Amino acid sequence: MTTSSPRPEDLADAFFTVAHGLKRTVNARFQHTGLSLARLRVLFQLIDRPCRMGELSTCVDVAPRTMTSTIEGMERDGLVVRQPDPADGRATIVSITDAGRRSYTEGVRLQARAVADLFDALDAEARSALLETLERLEKINAAAGEVPSPG
């Protein structure tokens, strides 16, 4: 008896379903903190140094208007501060605040727990196989030039 190989469309659908479910789970765990995955990604970019708004938009892969809205909300919540770029008056520099650093630390902890809850259901062999497969797919995708590799 032979089994047919899953169609690429079915694999992609399963992958997106799991990824979207993980994103929803992490965001649900963030709910009481005022964070989201998007905000955590912004804080990650700011943890070591201030950034221009345009650079943040590119790093987080969102439209400039979306980044502006995100930063406005984060500034209202005391997570970041904005100031004019002294080198270019048209640009804005965003910096993380102490409250933003505390939120980032808590967000990383909550994200790690949510991720562990999902992947702890797999044994070590299955996790290793999944990682190997995802790394291969990332290299193939990056080589195709469709989406730049994040790392």
Protein backbone atom coordinates (compact mmCIF):
# COMPACT_ATOMS: atom_id res chain seq x y z
CA MET A 1 0.00 0.00 0.00
CA THR A 2 1.43 3.37 -0.98
CA THR A 3 0.52 6.64 0.59
CA SER A 4 0.46 9.74 -1.49
CA SER A 5 2.70 12.61 -0.59
CA PRO A 6 0.93 15.66 0.86
CA ARG A 7 0.36 18.45 -1.65
CA PRO A 8 2.48 21.58 -1.12
CA GLU A 9 -0.75 23.58 -0.68
CA ASP A 10 -1.81 21.28 2.16
CA LEU A 11 1.60 21.62 3.84
CA ALA A 12 1.48 25.41 3.53
CA ASP A 13 -2.06 25.49 4.91
CA ALA A 14 -1.05 23.35 7.90
CA PHE A 15 2.04 25.49 8.48
CA PHE A 16 0.08 28.75 8.38
CA THR A 17 -2.61 27.30 10.65
CA VAL A 18 -0.05 26.34 13.29
CA ALA A 19 1.83 29.64 12.96
CA HIS A 20 -1.37 31.68 13.21
CA GLY A 21 -2.54 29.64 16.20
CA LEU A 22 0.77 30.21 17.97
CA LYS A 23 0.55 33.94 17.26
CA ARG A 24 -3.01 34.06 18.67
CA THR A 25 -1.91 32.11 21.78
CA VAL A 26 1.05 34.41 22.44
CA ASN A 27 -1.06 37.54 21.89
CA ALA A 28 -3.73 36.16 24.26
CA ARG A 29 -1.09 35.64 26.94
CA PHE A 30 0.11 39.21 26.40
CA GLN A 31 -3.38 40.66 26.71
CA HIS A 32 -3.09 41.68 30.37
CA THR A 33 0.31 43.33 29.76
CA GLY A 34 -0.65 45.70 26.95
CA LEU A 35 1.85 43.96 24.67
CA SER A 36 1.42 42.11 21.41
CA LEU A 37 3.87 40.27 19.20
CA ALA A 38 4.13 43.40 17.06
CA ARG A 39 5.00 45.55 20.06
CA LEU A 40 7.46 42.95 21.33
CA ARG A 41 9.20 43.00 17.94
CA VAL A 42 9.51 46.79 18.15
CA LEU A 43 10.92 46.62 21.69
CA PHE A 44 13.39 43.95 20.53
CA GLN A 45 14.69 46.35 17.87
CA LEU A 46 15.06 49.13 20.46
CA ILE A 47 16.57 47.10 23.32
CA ASP A 48 20.18 47.86 22.32
CA ARG A 49 19.85 51.24 20.63
CA PRO A 50 17.38 53.87 19.50
CA CYS A 51 16.17 53.63 15.89
CA ARG A 52 14.61 55.88 13.30
CA MET A 53 10.96 55.26 12.55
CA GLY A 54 11.76 54.21 8.97
CA GLU A 55 14.32 51.68 10.16
CA LEU A 56 11.79 50.22 12.62
CA SER A 57 9.20 49.97 9.88
CA THR A 58 11.65 48.04 7.70
CA CYS A 59 12.91 45.77 10.50
CA VAL A 60 9.41 44.85 11.66
CA ASP A 61 8.18 44.63 8.04
CA VAL A 62 5.17 46.90 8.33
CA ALA A 63 4.07 49.98 6.42
CA PRO A 64 5.36 53.31 7.77
CA ARG A 65 1.81 54.38 8.70
CA THR A 66 1.30 51.17 10.67
CA MET A 67 4.58 51.76 12.51
CA THR A 68 3.55 55.32 13.30
CA SER A 69 0.28 54.09 14.83
CA THR A 70 2.10 51.38 16.77
CA ILE A 71 4.67 53.82 18.15
CA GLU A 72 1.97 56.35 19.07
CA GLY A 73 0.22 53.69 21.16
CA MET A 74 3.46 52.51 22.72
CA GLU A 75 4.39 56.09 23.58
CA ARG A 76 0.98 56.63 25.24
CA ASP A 77 1.64 53.48 27.27
CA GLY A 78 5.07 54.74 28.33
CA LEU A 79 7.04 52.02 26.53
CA VAL A 80 8.92 54.30 24.13
CA VAL A 81 9.71 57.96 23.58
CA ARG A 82 10.08 59.83 20.30
CA GLN A 83 12.34 62.75 19.56
CA PRO A 84 13.53 64.53 16.43
CA ASP A 85 16.65 63.12 14.83
CA PRO A 86 19.37 65.76 15.38
CA ALA A 87 21.00 64.73 12.09
CA ASP A 88 17.79 65.03 10.06
CA GLY A 89 14.89 67.16 11.28
CA ARG A 90 12.44 65.23 9.08
CA ALA A 91 13.19 61.95 10.85
CA THR A 92 12.14 60.73 14.28
CA ILE A 93 14.24 58.66 16.66
CA VAL A 94 12.46 56.16 18.93
CA SER A 95 13.98 55.00 22.22
CA ILE A 96 12.84 52.39 24.72
CA THR A 97 11.96 53.53 28.24
CA ASP A 98 12.60 51.72 31.52
CA ALA A 99 8.96 50.63 31.48
CA GLY A 100 9.49 49.36 27.93
CA ARG A 101 12.48 47.32 29.08
CA ARG A 102 10.42 45.77 31.88
CA SER A 103 7.59 45.02 29.44
CA TYR A 104 10.05 43.49 27.00
CA THR A 105 11.46 41.20 29.69
CA GLU A 106 7.96 40.10 30.71
CA GLY A 107 6.93 39.66 27.08
CA VAL A 108 9.91 37.44 26.32
CA ARG A 109 9.05 35.32 29.38
CA LEU A 110 5.39 34.96 28.33
CA GLN A 111 6.32 34.20 24.73
CA ALA A 112 8.81 31.54 25.84
CA ARG A 113 6.15 29.86 27.98
CA ALA A 114 3.60 29.82 25.15
CA VAL A 115 6.17 28.41 22.72
CA ALA A 116 7.27 25.78 25.24
CA ASP A 117 3.66 24.75 25.82
CA LEU A 118 3.28 24.03 22.11
CA PHE A 119 6.62 22.44 21.30
CA ASP A 120 6.98 20.46 24.54
CA ALA A 121 4.27 18.22 23.09
CA LEU A 122 6.90 16.98 20.61
CA ASP A 123 9.68 14.63 21.65
CA ALA A 124 13.32 15.62 21.05
CA GLU A 125 13.51 13.69 17.78
CA ALA A 126 10.41 15.36 16.35
CA ARG A 127 11.64 18.83 17.41
CA SER A 128 15.02 18.20 15.77
CA ALA A 129 13.38 16.98 12.57
CA LEU A 130 11.06 20.00 12.52
CA LEU A 131 13.94 22.42 13.05
CA GLU A 132 15.97 20.78 10.30
CA THR A 133 13.03 20.96 7.92
CA LEU A 134 12.29 24.61 8.72
CA GLU A 135 15.95 25.57 8.30
CA ARG A 136 16.03 23.83 4.90
CA LEU A 137 12.87 25.64 3.82
CA GLU A 138 14.26 28.97 5.02
CA LYS A 139 17.42 28.47 2.94
CA ILE A 140 15.40 27.49 -0.12
CA ASN A 141 13.13 30.49 0.30
CA ALA A 142 16.06 32.89 0.83
CA ALA A 143 17.89 31.47 -2.20
CA ALA A 144 14.78 32.00 -4.31
CA GLY A 145 14.94 35.66 -3.38
CA GLU A 146 11.30 35.83 -2.37
CA VAL A 147 11.79 36.91 1.23
CA PRO A 148 15.08 37.92 2.82
CA SER A 149 16.28 35.67 5.62
CA PRO A 150 15.86 37.38 9.03
CA GLY A 151 19.16 36.14 10.37
